[in-house]
Amino acid sequence: MGSYWRSVASTGSSVGTAEEASSQLPTFTEQEQQMKKVEKLTNQLHHMTCARNELRGILANYTNKDLNNSFF
């Protein structure tokens, strides 16, 4: 056993109760899930921004070719 569990076993007490610990777990899990969702959405936004920028470059290239051809 680690030192924390040895001290709990020898004294018979710990910081907080099992009930308090179990009530905190869903909050942590919920927060962790929210952070994962934010990270996923951030990654999706980054990829969409890169794709948009690439498409803008392609469109600008075609637009410039059309403009150059219309003057000749």
Protein backbone atom coordinates (compact mmCIF):
# COMPACT_ATOMS: atom_id res chain seq x y z
CA MET A 1 0.00 0.00 0.00
CA GLY A 2 1.05 3.59 -0.56
CA SER A 3 1.71 5.92 2.33
CA TYR A 4 -1.73 7.56 2.02
CA TRP A 5 -3.55 4.24 2.32
CA ARG A 6 -1.31 3.10 5.16
CA SER A 7 -2.18 6.24 7.14
CA VAL A 8 -5.89 5.78 6.41
CA ALA A 9 -5.74 2.13 7.45
CA SER A 10 -3.89 2.90 10.68
CA THR A 11 -6.04 5.88 11.71
CA GLY A 12 -9.33 4.61 10.30
CA SER A 13 -10.13 7.97 8.74
CA SER A 14 -9.48 9.95 5.61
CA VAL A 15 -10.13 13.42 4.30
CA GLY A 16 -13.83 13.56 3.39
CA THR A 17 -16.25 10.69 3.16
CA ALA A 18 -16.98 8.17 0.44
CA GLU A 19 -20.30 9.92 -0.13
CA GLU A 20 -18.55 13.26 -0.71
CA ALA A 21 -16.09 11.63 -3.10
CA SER A 22 -18.84 9.95 -5.13
CA SER A 23 -20.77 13.22 -5.44
CA GLN A 24 -17.65 14.92 -6.84
CA LEU A 25 -16.92 12.25 -9.48
CA PRO A 26 -19.79 13.06 -11.88
CA THR A 27 -18.80 16.73 -11.83
CA PHE A 28 -15.21 15.87 -12.75
CA THR A 29 -16.33 13.41 -15.43
CA GLU A 30 -18.78 15.95 -16.84
CA GLN A 31 -16.09 18.62 -16.90
CA GLU A 32 -13.66 16.20 -18.57
CA GLN A 33 -16.27 15.34 -21.22
CA GLN A 34 -16.91 19.04 -21.84
CA MET A 35 -13.18 19.69 -22.24
CA LYS A 36 -12.90 16.81 -24.72
CA LYS A 37 -15.84 18.22 -26.67
CA VAL A 38 -14.26 21.68 -26.72
CA GLU A 39 -10.97 20.16 -27.92
CA LYS A 40 -12.78 18.21 -30.65
CA LEU A 41 -14.69 21.30 -31.80
CA THR A 42 -11.49 23.37 -31.76
CA ASN A 43 -9.78 20.79 -33.98
CA GLN A 44 -12.76 20.72 -36.35
CA LEU A 45 -12.75 24.51 -36.54
CA HIS A 46 -9.02 24.50 -37.33
CA HIS A 47 -9.48 21.97 -40.15
CA MET A 48 -12.44 23.89 -41.56
CA THR A 49 -10.46 27.13 -41.46
CA CYS A 50 -7.57 25.50 -43.32
CA ALA A 51 -9.97 24.08 -45.93
CA ARG A 52 -11.64 27.48 -46.33
CA ASN A 53 -8.31 29.20 -46.80
CA GLU A 54 -7.26 26.62 -49.40
CA LEU A 55 -10.53 27.06 -51.29
CA ARG A 56 -10.17 30.85 -51.16
CA GLY A 57 -6.72 30.50 -52.72
CA ILE A 58 -8.09 28.27 -55.49
CA LEU A 59 -10.97 30.66 -56.13
CA ALA A 60 -8.64 33.66 -56.20
CA ASN A 61 -6.43 31.85 -58.71
CA TYR A 62 -9.37 31.12 -61.03
CA THR A 63 -10.74 34.63 -60.61
CA ASN A 64 -7.37 36.13 -61.56
CA LYS A 65 -7.15 33.88 -64.64
CA ASP A 66 -10.66 34.92 -65.70
CA LEU A 67 -9.83 38.59 -65.21
CA ASN A 68 -6.58 38.24 -67.16
CA ASN A 69 -8.35 36.45 -70.02
CA SER A 70 -11.15 39.00 -70.22
CA PHE A 71 -8.73 41.88 -70.89
CA PHE A 72 -7.09 40.17 -73.89
